[in-house]
Amino acid sequence: MALSKEQQREYRARAHHLKPVILIGDNGVSEGLTQELERALDDHELIKVKISSTDREERREMLEEACRATGAELVQTIGKVAVLLRRAKDPNPKLSNLRK
């Protein structure tokens, strides 16, 4: 499901105040990191991820791999920080305001 420009704008605004909850290190997207991403996305749906790599192409590849592995969508990237979204499998009433 691709996000519309309006949805992207809304999710970027909601993520503005968030701090990164996952750090992707030099090892890239490992099995353990994928599990943590899954947990964070299930708990929060909208998260920020920080990537330690200084190479722009390598960061892009890591993000693509993380999105593929978790089924998340990339909302935005700014430098080394990215915003990912994946709606939770089990609806949580606390997060119902994300589902519009």
PDB file of N, CA and C in Angstrom:
ATOM      1  N   MET A   1       0.841  -1.163   0.000  1.00  0.00           N
ATOM      2  CA  MET A   1       0.000   0.000   0.000  1.00  0.00           C
ATOM      3  C   MET A   1       0.892   1.234   0.000  1.00  0.00           C
ATOM      4  N   ALA A   2       0.838   1.975  -1.045  1.00  0.00           N
ATOM      5  CA  ALA A   2       1.622   3.201  -1.141  1.00  0.00           C
ATOM      6  C   ALA A   2       0.872   4.337  -0.447  1.00  0.00           C
ATOM      7  N   LEU A   3       1.614   5.174   0.231  1.00  0.00           N
ATOM      8  CA  LEU A   3       1.016   6.303   0.929  1.00  0.00           C
ATOM      9  C   LEU A   3       0.803   7.460  -0.035  1.00  0.00           C
ATOM     10  N   SER A   4      -0.315   8.127   0.103  1.00  0.00           N
ATOM     11  CA  SER A   4      -0.561   9.325  -0.700  1.00  0.00           C
ATOM     12  C   SER A   4       0.296  10.458  -0.141  1.00  0.00           C
ATOM     13  N   LYS A   5       0.428  11.524  -0.901  1.00  0.00           N
ATOM     14  CA  LYS A   5       1.207  12.684  -0.443  1.00  0.00           C
ATOM     15  C   LYS A   5       0.609  13.262   0.835  1.00  0.00           C
ATOM     16  N   GLU A   6      -0.706  13.282   0.909  1.00  0.00           N
ATOM     17  CA  GLU A   6      -1.379  13.796   2.105  1.00  0.00           C
ATOM     18  C   GLU A   6      -1.082  12.930   3.322  1.00  0.00           C
ATOM     19  N   GLN A   7      -1.119  11.603   3.135  1.00  0.00           N
ATOM     20  CA  GLN A   7      -0.815  10.694   4.235  1.00  0.00           C
ATOM     21  C   GLN A   7       0.642  10.845   4.662  1.00  0.00           C
ATOM     22  N   GLN A   8       1.552  10.946   3.693  1.00  0.00           N
ATOM     23  CA  GLN A   8       2.957  11.139   4.030  1.00  0.00           C
ATOM     24  C   GLN A   8       3.149  12.402   4.853  1.00  0.00           C
ATOM     25  N   ARG A   9       2.512  13.478   4.460  1.00  0.00           N
ATOM     26  CA  ARG A   9       2.628  14.749   5.175  1.00  0.00           C
ATOM     27  C   ARG A   9       2.123  14.597   6.608  1.00  0.00           C
ATOM     28  N   GLU A  10       0.994  13.892   6.775  1.00  0.00           N
ATOM     29  CA  GLU A  10       0.431  13.698   8.108  1.00  0.00           C
ATOM     30  C   GLU A  10       1.361  12.855   8.982  1.00  0.00           C
ATOM     31  N   TYR A  11       1.897  11.754   8.430  1.00  0.00           N
ATOM     32  CA  TYR A  11       2.779  10.894   9.210  1.00  0.00           C
ATOM     33  C   TYR A  11       4.105  11.580   9.526  1.00  0.00           C
ATOM     34  N   ARG A  12       4.603  12.400   8.602  1.00  0.00           N
ATOM     35  CA  ARG A  12       5.826  13.162   8.883  1.00  0.00           C
ATOM     36  C   ARG A  12       5.589  14.114  10.056  1.00  0.00           C
ATOM     37  N   ALA A  13       4.438  14.748  10.073  1.00  0.00           N
ATOM     38  CA  ALA A  13       4.108  15.673  11.164  1.00  0.00           C
ATOM     39  C   ALA A  13       4.004  14.929  12.491  1.00  0.00           C
ATOM     40  N   ARG A  14       3.387  13.761  12.472  1.00  0.00           N
ATOM     41  CA  ARG A  14       3.245  12.975  13.705  1.00  0.00           C
ATOM     42  C   ARG A  14       4.588  12.446  14.194  1.00  0.00           C
ATOM     43  N   ALA A  15       5.505  12.170  13.276  1.00  0.00           N
ATOM     44  CA  ALA A  15       6.803  11.614  13.657  1.00  0.00           C
ATOM     45  C   ALA A  15       7.809  12.681  14.049  1.00  0.00           C
ATOM     46  N   HIS A  16       7.479  13.931  13.793  1.00  0.00           N
ATOM     47  CA  HIS A  16       8.434  15.015  14.023  1.00  0.00           C
ATOM     48  C   HIS A  16       9.009  15.001  15.443  1.00  0.00           C
ATOM     49  N   HIS A  17       8.185  14.788  16.436  1.00  0.00           N
ATOM     50  CA  HIS A  17       8.629  14.844  17.826  1.00  0.00           C
ATOM     51  C   HIS A  17       9.232  13.523  18.320  1.00  0.00           C
ATOM     52  N   LEU A  18       9.151  12.461  17.539  1.00  0.00           N
ATOM     53  CA  LEU A  18       9.655  11.157  17.971  1.00  0.00           C
ATOM     54  C   LEU A  18      11.178  11.114  17.972  1.00  0.00           C
ATOM     55  N   LYS A  19      11.711  10.290  18.835  1.00  0.00           N
ATOM     56  CA  LYS A  19      13.146  10.031  18.859  1.00  0.00           C
ATOM     57  C   LYS A  19      13.375   8.645  18.246  1.00  0.00           C
ATOM     58  N   PRO A  20      14.524   8.416  17.623  1.00  0.00           N
ATOM     59  CA  PRO A  20      14.798   7.095  17.044  1.00  0.00           C
ATOM     60  C   PRO A  20      14.747   5.993  18.110  1.00  0.00           C
ATOM     61  N   VAL A  21      14.040   4.915  17.800  1.00  0.00           N
ATOM     62  CA  VAL A  21      13.929   3.795  18.736  1.00  0.00           C
ATOM     63  C   VAL A  21      14.804   2.625  18.318  1.00  0.00           C
ATOM     64  N   ILE A  22      15.298   2.634  17.099  1.00  0.00           N
ATOM     65  CA  ILE A  22      16.153   1.568  16.578  1.00  0.00           C
ATOM     66  C   ILE A  22      17.386   2.211  15.950  1.00  0.00           C
ATOM     67  N   LEU A  23      18.540   1.621  16.203  1.00  0.00           N
ATOM     68  CA  LEU A  23      19.784   2.065  15.588  1.00  0.00           C
ATOM     69  C   LEU A  23      20.312   0.926  14.724  1.00  0.00           C
ATOM     70  N   ILE A  24      20.464   1.185  13.427  1.00  0.00           N
ATOM     71  CA  ILE A  24      21.030   0.189  12.520  1.00  0.00           C
ATOM     72  C   ILE A  24      22.514   0.471  12.444  1.00  0.00           C
ATOM     73  N   GLY A  25      23.306  -0.467  12.939  1.00  0.00           N
ATOM     74  CA  GLY A  25      24.755  -0.296  13.000  1.00  0.00           C
ATOM     75  C   GLY A  25      25.454  -0.796  11.754  1.00  0.00           C
ATOM     76  N   ASP A  26      26.751  -0.989  11.882  1.00  0.00           N
ATOM     77  CA  ASP A  26      27.579  -1.414  10.762  1.00  0.00           C
ATOM     78  C   ASP A  26      27.252  -2.824  10.281  1.00  0.00           C
ATOM     79  N   ASN A  27      26.630  -3.630  11.138  1.00  0.00           N
ATOM     80  CA  ASN A  27      26.273  -4.999  10.753  1.00  0.00           C
ATOM     81  C   ASN A  27      25.072  -5.058   9.823  1.00  0.00           C
ATOM     82  N   GLY A  28      24.387  -3.938   9.656  1.00  0.00           N
ATOM     83  CA  GLY A  28      23.240  -3.912   8.760  1.00  0.00           C
ATOM     84  C   GLY A  28      22.007  -4.527   9.390  1.00  0.00           C
ATOM     85  N   VAL A  29      21.141  -5.052   8.556  1.00  0.00           N
ATOM     86  CA  VAL A  29      19.865  -5.605   9.009  1.00  0.00           C
ATOM     87  C   VAL A  29      20.048  -7.088   9.288  1.00  0.00           C
ATOM     88  N   SER A  30      20.275  -7.394  10.560  1.00  0.00           N
ATOM     89  CA  SER A  30      20.466  -8.778  10.982  1.00  0.00           C
ATOM     90  C   SER A  30      19.133  -9.354  11.456  1.00  0.00           C
ATOM     91  N   GLU A  31      19.142 -10.624  11.813  1.00  0.00           N
ATOM     92  CA  GLU A  31      17.921 -11.271  12.304  1.00  0.00           C
ATOM     93  C   GLU A  31      17.458 -10.624  13.606  1.00  0.00           C
ATOM     94  N   GLY A  32      18.379 -10.327  14.500  1.00  0.00           N
ATOM     95  CA  GLY A  32      18.031  -9.686  15.766  1.00  0.00           C
ATOM     96  C   GLY A  32      17.454  -8.298  15.557  1.00  0.00           C
ATOM     97  N   LEU A  33      18.036  -7.554  14.638  1.00  0.00           N
ATOM     98  CA  LEU A  33      17.534  -6.216  14.343  1.00  0.00           C
ATOM     99  C   LEU A  33      16.138  -6.294  13.741  1.00  0.00           C
ATOM    100  N   THR A  34      15.910  -7.253  12.872  1.00  0.00           N
ATOM    101  CA  THR A  34      14.587  -7.439  12.275  1.00  0.00           C
ATOM    102  C   THR A  34      13.549  -7.730  13.356  1.00  0.00           C
ATOM    103  N   GLN A  35      13.910  -8.556  14.335  1.00  0.00           N
ATOM    104  CA  GLN A  35      12.986  -8.861  15.428  1.00  0.00           C
ATOM    105  C   GLN A  35      12.661  -7.609  16.240  1.00  0.00           C
ATOM    106  N   GLU A  36      13.672  -6.780  16.498  1.00  0.00           N
ATOM    107  CA  GLU A  36      13.434  -5.538  17.234  1.00  0.00           C
ATOM    108  C   GLU A  36      12.575  -4.563  16.428  1.00  0.00           C
ATOM    109  N   LEU A  37      12.810  -4.501  15.128  1.00  0.00           N
ATOM    110  CA  LEU A  37      11.978  -3.670  14.263  1.00  0.00           C
ATOM    111  C   LEU A  37      10.527  -4.150  14.298  1.00  0.00           C
ATOM    112  N   GLU A  38      10.333  -5.456  14.212  1.00  0.00           N
ATOM    113  CA  GLU A  38       8.990  -6.038  14.274  1.00  0.00           C
ATOM    114  C   GLU A  38       8.303  -5.646  15.580  1.00  0.00           C
ATOM    115  N   ARG A  39       9.022  -5.779  16.692  1.00  0.00           N
ATOM    116  CA  ARG A  39       8.449  -5.448  17.993  1.00  0.00           C
ATOM    117  C   ARG A  39       8.080  -3.967  18.067  1.00  0.00           C
ATOM    118  N   ALA A  40       9.003  -3.113  17.646  1.00  0.00           N
ATOM    119  CA  ALA A  40       8.762  -1.670  17.703  1.00  0.00           C
ATOM    120  C   ALA A  40       7.593  -1.266  16.804  1.00  0.00           C
ATOM    121  N   LEU A  41       7.521  -1.838  15.621  1.00  0.00           N
ATOM    122  CA  LEU A  41       6.415  -1.512  14.703  1.00  0.00           C
ATOM    123  C   LEU A  41       5.082  -2.031  15.232  1.00  0.00           C
ATOM    124  N   ASP A  42       5.091  -3.205  15.860  1.00  0.00           N
ATOM    125  CA  ASP A  42       3.852  -3.725  16.458  1.00  0.00           C
ATOM    126  C   ASP A  42       3.390  -2.838  17.607  1.00  0.00           C
ATOM    127  N   ASP A  43       4.349  -2.333  18.396  1.00  0.00           N
ATOM    128  CA  ASP A  43       4.012  -1.510  19.549  1.00  0.00           C
ATOM    129  C   ASP A  43       3.610  -0.093  19.169  1.00  0.00           C
ATOM    130  N   HIS A  44       4.289   0.493  18.183  1.00  0.00           N
ATOM    131  CA  HIS A  44       4.123   1.920  17.911  1.00  0.00           C
ATOM    132  C   HIS A  44       3.562   2.260  16.531  1.00  0.00           C
ATOM    133  N   GLU A  45       3.688   1.382  15.578  1.00  0.00           N
ATOM    134  CA  GLU A  45       3.267   1.567  14.186  1.00  0.00           C
ATOM    135  C   GLU A  45       4.106   2.596  13.430  1.00  0.00           C
ATOM    136  N   LEU A  46       4.404   3.721  14.038  1.00  0.00           N
ATOM    137  CA  LEU A  46       5.183   4.783  13.403  1.00  0.00           C
ATOM    138  C   LEU A  46       6.445   4.989  14.235  1.00  0.00           C
ATOM    139  N   ILE A  47       7.610   4.723  13.632  1.00  0.00           N
ATOM    140  CA  ILE A  47       8.863   4.815  14.389  1.00  0.00           C
ATOM    141  C   ILE A  47       9.925   5.551  13.582  1.00  0.00           C
ATOM    142  N   LYS A  48      10.926   6.040  14.311  1.00  0.00           N
ATOM    143  CA  LYS A  48      12.113   6.604  13.679  1.00  0.00           C
ATOM    144  C   LYS A  48      13.251   5.614  13.867  1.00  0.00           C
ATOM    145  N   VAL A  49      14.070   5.508  12.824  1.00  0.00           N
ATOM    146  CA  VAL A  49      15.216   4.611  12.815  1.00  0.00           C
ATOM    147  C   VAL A  49      16.438   5.448  12.456  1.00  0.00           C
ATOM    148  N   LYS A  50      17.538   5.222  13.161  1.00  0.00           N
ATOM    149  CA  LYS A  50      18.783   5.925  12.846  1.00  0.00           C
ATOM    150  C   LYS A  50      19.769   4.915  12.276  1.00  0.00           C
ATOM    151  N   ILE A  51      20.472   5.326  11.221  1.00  0.00           N
ATOM    152  CA  ILE A  51      21.436   4.453  10.553  1.00  0.00           C
ATOM    153  C   ILE A  51      22.819   5.056  10.722  1.00  0.00           C
ATOM    154  N   SER A  52      23.765   4.250  11.183  1.00  0.00           N
ATOM    155  CA  SER A  52      25.092   4.784  11.519  1.00  0.00           C
ATOM    156  C   SER A  52      26.010   4.943  10.312  1.00  0.00           C
ATOM    157  N   SER A  53      25.687   4.352   9.199  1.00  0.00           N
ATOM    158  CA  SER A  53      26.550   4.394   8.025  1.00  0.00           C
ATOM    159  C   SER A  53      26.675   5.822   7.477  1.00  0.00           C
ATOM    160  N   THR A  54      27.865   6.168   7.016  1.00  0.00           N
ATOM    161  CA  THR A  54      28.079   7.497   6.433  1.00  0.00           C
ATOM    162  C   THR A  54      27.823   7.507   4.931  1.00  0.00           C
ATOM    163  N   ASP A  55      27.738   6.340   4.320  1.00  0.00           N
ATOM    164  CA  ASP A  55      27.512   6.230   2.882  1.00  0.00           C
ATOM    165  C   ASP A  55      26.013   6.280   2.570  1.00  0.00           C
ATOM    166  N   ARG A  56      25.603   7.243   1.780  1.00  0.00           N
ATOM    167  CA  ARG A  56      24.189   7.442   1.462  1.00  0.00           C
ATOM    168  C   ARG A  56      23.574   6.217   0.787  1.00  0.00           C
ATOM    169  N   GLU A  57      24.275   5.629  -0.169  1.00  0.00           N
ATOM    170  CA  GLU A  57      23.760   4.464  -0.896  1.00  0.00           C
ATOM    171  C   GLU A  57      23.597   3.265   0.046  1.00  0.00           C
ATOM    172  N   GLU A  58      24.555   3.088   0.944  1.00  0.00           N
ATOM    173  CA  GLU A  58      24.490   1.985   1.906  1.00  0.00           C
ATOM    174  C   GLU A  58      23.296   2.176   2.857  1.00  0.00           C
ATOM    175  N   ARG A  59      23.047   3.407   3.288  1.00  0.00           N
ATOM    176  CA  ARG A  59      21.889   3.690   4.148  1.00  0.00           C
ATOM    177  C   ARG A  59      20.592   3.360   3.415  1.00  0.00           C
ATOM    178  N   ARG A  60      20.507   3.754   2.147  1.00  0.00           N
ATOM    179  CA  ARG A  60      19.302   3.483   1.355  1.00  0.00           C
ATOM    180  C   ARG A  60      19.066   1.977   1.230  1.00  0.00           C
ATOM    181  N   GLU A  61      20.133   1.226   0.979  1.00  0.00           N
ATOM    182  CA  GLU A  61      20.014  -0.233   0.855  1.00  0.00           C
ATOM    183  C   GLU A  61      19.574  -0.868   2.174  1.00  0.00           C
ATOM    184  N   MET A  62      20.125  -0.379   3.290  1.00  0.00           N
ATOM    185  CA  MET A  62      19.733  -0.915   4.606  1.00  0.00           C
ATOM    186  C   MET A  62      18.261  -0.648   4.885  1.00  0.00           C
ATOM    187  N   LEU A  63      17.802   0.540   4.537  1.00  0.00           N
ATOM    188  CA  LEU A  63      16.390   0.875   4.741  1.00  0.00           C
ATOM    189  C   LEU A  63      15.482   0.026   3.867  1.00  0.00           C
ATOM    190  N   GLU A  64      15.861  -0.171   2.621  1.00  0.00           N
ATOM    191  CA  GLU A  64      15.066  -1.018   1.729  1.00  0.00           C
ATOM    192  C   GLU A  64      14.987  -2.435   2.271  1.00  0.00           C
ATOM    193  N   GLU A  65      16.111  -2.950   2.762  1.00  0.00           N
ATOM    194  CA  GLU A  65      16.134  -4.303   3.317  1.00  0.00           C
ATOM    195  C   GLU A  65      15.266  -4.384   4.569  1.00  0.00           C
ATOM    196  N   ALA A  66      15.339  -3.370   5.436  1.00  0.00           N
ATOM    197  CA  ALA A  66      14.523  -3.356   6.655  1.00  0.00           C
ATOM    198  C   ALA A  66      13.041  -3.304   6.305  1.00  0.00           C
ATOM    199  N   CYS A  67      12.674  -2.506   5.331  1.00  0.00           N
ATOM    200  CA  CYS A  67      11.269  -2.412   4.916  1.00  0.00           C
ATOM    201  C   CYS A  67      10.784  -3.722   4.315  1.00  0.00           C
ATOM    202  N   ARG A  68      11.628  -4.344   3.492  1.00  0.00           N
ATOM    203  CA  ARG A  68      11.270  -5.642   2.895  1.00  0.00           C
ATOM    204  C   ARG A  68      11.083  -6.691   3.979  1.00  0.00           C
ATOM    205  N   ALA A  69      11.986  -6.725   4.952  1.00  0.00           N
ATOM    206  CA  ALA A  69      11.953  -7.760   5.986  1.00  0.00           C
ATOM    207  C   ALA A  69      10.760  -7.612   6.925  1.00  0.00           C
ATOM    208  N   THR A  70      10.291  -6.386   7.130  1.00  0.00           N
ATOM    209  CA  THR A  70       9.222  -6.158   8.098  1.00  0.00           C
ATOM    210  C   THR A  70       7.874  -5.818   7.467  1.00  0.00           C
ATOM    211  N   GLY A  71       7.866  -5.504   6.192  1.00  0.00           N
ATOM    212  CA  GLY A  71       6.632  -5.095   5.546  1.00  0.00           C
ATOM    213  C   GLY A  71       6.257  -3.653   5.857  1.00  0.00           C
ATOM    214  N   ALA A  72       7.217  -2.884   6.331  1.00  0.00           N
ATOM    215  CA  ALA A  72       6.977  -1.474   6.667  1.00  0.00           C
ATOM    216  C   ALA A  72       7.124  -0.603   5.427  1.00  0.00           C
ATOM    217  N   GLU A  73       6.606   0.602   5.530  1.00  0.00           N
ATOM    218  CA  GLU A  73       6.737   1.582   4.453  1.00  0.00           C
ATOM    219  C   GLU A  73       7.630   2.716   4.918  1.00  0.00           C
ATOM    220  N   LEU A  74       8.443   3.183   4.010  1.00  0.00           N
ATOM    221  CA  LEU A  74       9.310   4.318   4.292  1.00  0.00           C
ATOM    222  C   LEU A  74       8.500   5.589   4.091  1.00  0.00           C
ATOM    223  N   VAL A  75       8.363   6.377   5.144  1.00  0.00           N
ATOM    224  CA  VAL A  75       7.600   7.619   5.079  1.00  0.00           C
ATOM    225  C   VAL A  75       8.523   8.770   4.691  1.00  0.00           C
ATOM    226  N   GLN A  76       9.736   8.794   5.299  1.00  0.00           N
ATOM    227  CA  GLN A  76      10.635   9.917   5.084  1.00  0.00           C
ATOM    228  C   GLN A  76      12.045   9.544   5.508  1.00  0.00           C
ATOM    229  N   THR A  77      13.025  10.138   4.838  1.00  0.00           N
ATOM    230  CA  THR A  77      14.413  10.061   5.301  1.00  0.00           C
ATOM    231  C   THR A  77      14.993  11.465   5.304  1.00  0.00           C
ATOM    232  N   ILE A  78      15.706  11.756   6.367  1.00  0.00           N
ATOM    233  CA  ILE A  78      16.461  13.003   6.460  1.00  0.00           C
ATOM    234  C   ILE A  78      17.819  12.628   7.027  1.00  0.00           C
ATOM    235  N   GLY A  79      18.831  12.718   6.188  1.00  0.00           N
ATOM    236  CA  GLY A  79      20.174  12.353   6.634  1.00  0.00           C
ATOM    237  C   GLY A  79      20.238  10.904   7.062  1.00  0.00           C
ATOM    238  N   LYS A  80      20.595  10.694   8.321  1.00  0.00           N
ATOM    239  CA  LYS A  80      20.745   9.342   8.849  1.00  0.00           C
ATOM    240  C   LYS A  80      19.508   8.849   9.589  1.00  0.00           C
ATOM    241  N   VAL A  81      18.423   9.598   9.545  1.00  0.00           N
ATOM    242  CA  VAL A  81      17.205   9.229  10.265  1.00  0.00           C
ATOM    243  C   VAL A  81      16.074   8.972   9.268  1.00  0.00           C
ATOM    244  N   ALA A  82      15.342   7.884   9.502  1.00  0.00           N
ATOM    245  CA  ALA A  82      14.220   7.523   8.639  1.00  0.00           C
ATOM    246  C   ALA A  82      12.977   7.284   9.492  1.00  0.00           C
ATOM    247  N   VAL A  83      11.829   7.518   8.898  1.00  0.00           N
ATOM    248  CA  VAL A  83      10.544   7.261   9.544  1.00  0.00           C
ATOM    249  C   VAL A  83       9.906   6.083   8.825  1.00  0.00           C
ATOM    250  N   LEU A  84       9.542   5.054   9.588  1.00  0.00           N
ATOM    251  CA  LEU A  84       8.899   3.862   9.038  1.00  0.00           C
ATOM    252  C   LEU A  84       7.501   3.715   9.613  1.00  0.00           C
ATOM    253  N   LEU A  85       6.600   3.181   8.804  1.00  0.00           N
ATOM    254  CA  LEU A  85       5.217   2.958   9.211  1.00  0.00           C
ATOM    255  C   LEU A  85       4.804   1.555   8.823  1.00  0.00           C
ATOM    256  N   ARG A  86       4.158   0.885   9.761  1.00  0.00           N
ATOM    257  CA  ARG A  86       3.478  -0.380   9.460  1.00  0.00           C
ATOM    258  C   ARG A  86       2.311  -0.495  10.421  1.00  0.00           C
ATOM    259  N   ARG A  87       1.151  -0.581   9.866  1.00  0.00           N
ATOM    260  CA  ARG A  87      -0.020  -0.708  10.720  1.00  0.00           C
ATOM    261  C   ARG A  87       0.022  -2.055  11.426  1.00  0.00           C
ATOM    262  N   ALA A  88      -0.337  -2.049  12.697  1.00  0.00           N
ATOM    263  CA  ALA A  88      -0.281  -3.253  13.522  1.00  0.00           C
ATOM    264  C   ALA A  88      -1.288  -4.288  13.037  1.00  0.00           C
ATOM    265  N   LYS A  89      -0.943  -5.543  13.210  1.00  0.00           N
ATOM    266  CA  LYS A  89      -1.836  -6.630  12.812  1.00  0.00           C
ATOM    267  C   LYS A  89      -3.062  -6.675  13.712  1.00  0.00           C
ATOM    268  N   ASP A  90      -2.857  -6.476  15.020  1.00  0.00           N
ATOM    269  CA  ASP A  90      -3.955  -6.446  15.982  1.00  0.00           C
ATOM    270  C   ASP A  90      -4.236  -4.999  16.346  1.00  0.00           C
ATOM    271  N   PRO A  91      -5.397  -4.483  15.984  1.00  0.00           N
ATOM    272  CA  PRO A  91      -5.710  -3.085  16.279  1.00  0.00           C
ATOM    273  C   PRO A  91      -5.628  -2.789  17.772  1.00  0.00           C
ATOM    274  N   ASN A  92      -4.939  -1.722  18.100  1.00  0.00           N
ATOM    275  CA  ASN A  92      -4.787  -1.268  19.467  1.00  0.00           C
ATOM    276  C   ASN A  92      -5.598   0.014  19.595  1.00  0.00           C
ATOM    277  N   PRO A  93      -6.550   0.075  20.521  1.00  0.00           N
ATOM    278  CA  PRO A  93      -7.388   1.270  20.621  1.00  0.00           C
ATOM    279  C   PRO A  93      -6.579   2.543  20.866  1.00  0.00           C
ATOM    280  N   LYS A  94      -5.429   2.442  21.493  1.00  0.00           N
ATOM    281  CA  LYS A  94      -4.600   3.615  21.764  1.00  0.00           C
ATOM    282  C   LYS A  94      -4.049   4.204  20.464  1.00  0.00           C
ATOM    283  N   LEU A  95      -3.887   3.363  19.438  1.00  0.00           N
ATOM    284  CA  LEU A  95      -3.292   3.800  18.197  1.00  0.00           C
ATOM    285  C   LEU A  95      -4.327   4.028  17.098  1.00  0.00           C
ATOM    286  N   SER A  96      -5.586   3.979  17.446  1.00  0.00           N
ATOM    287  CA  SER A  96      -6.626   4.090  16.427  1.00  0.00           C
ATOM    288  C   SER A  96      -6.586   5.424  15.680  1.00  0.00           C
ATOM    289  N   ASN A  97      -5.982   6.443  16.278  1.00  0.00           N
ATOM    290  CA  ASN A  97      -5.909   7.733  15.589  1.00  0.00           C
ATOM    291  C   ASN A  97      -4.948   7.697  14.414  1.00  0.00           C
ATOM    292  N   LEU A  98      -4.115   6.677  14.290  1.00  0.00           N
ATOM    293  CA  LEU A  98      -3.230   6.537  13.130  1.00  0.00           C
ATOM    294  C   LEU A  98      -3.963   5.971  11.930  1.00  0.00           C
ATOM    295  N   ARG A  99      -5.090   5.344  12.161  1.00  0.00           N
ATOM    296  CA  ARG A  99      -5.827   4.701  11.077  1.00  0.00           C
ATOM    297  C   ARG A  99      -6.905   5.635  10.543  1.00  0.00           C
ATOM    298  N   LYS A 100      -6.563   6.342   9.529  1.00  0.00           N
ATOM    299  CA  LYS A 100      -7.546   7.245   8.913  1.00  0.00           C
ATOM    300  C   LYS A 100      -7.718   6.903   7.479  1.00  0.00           C
TER     301      LYS A 100
END
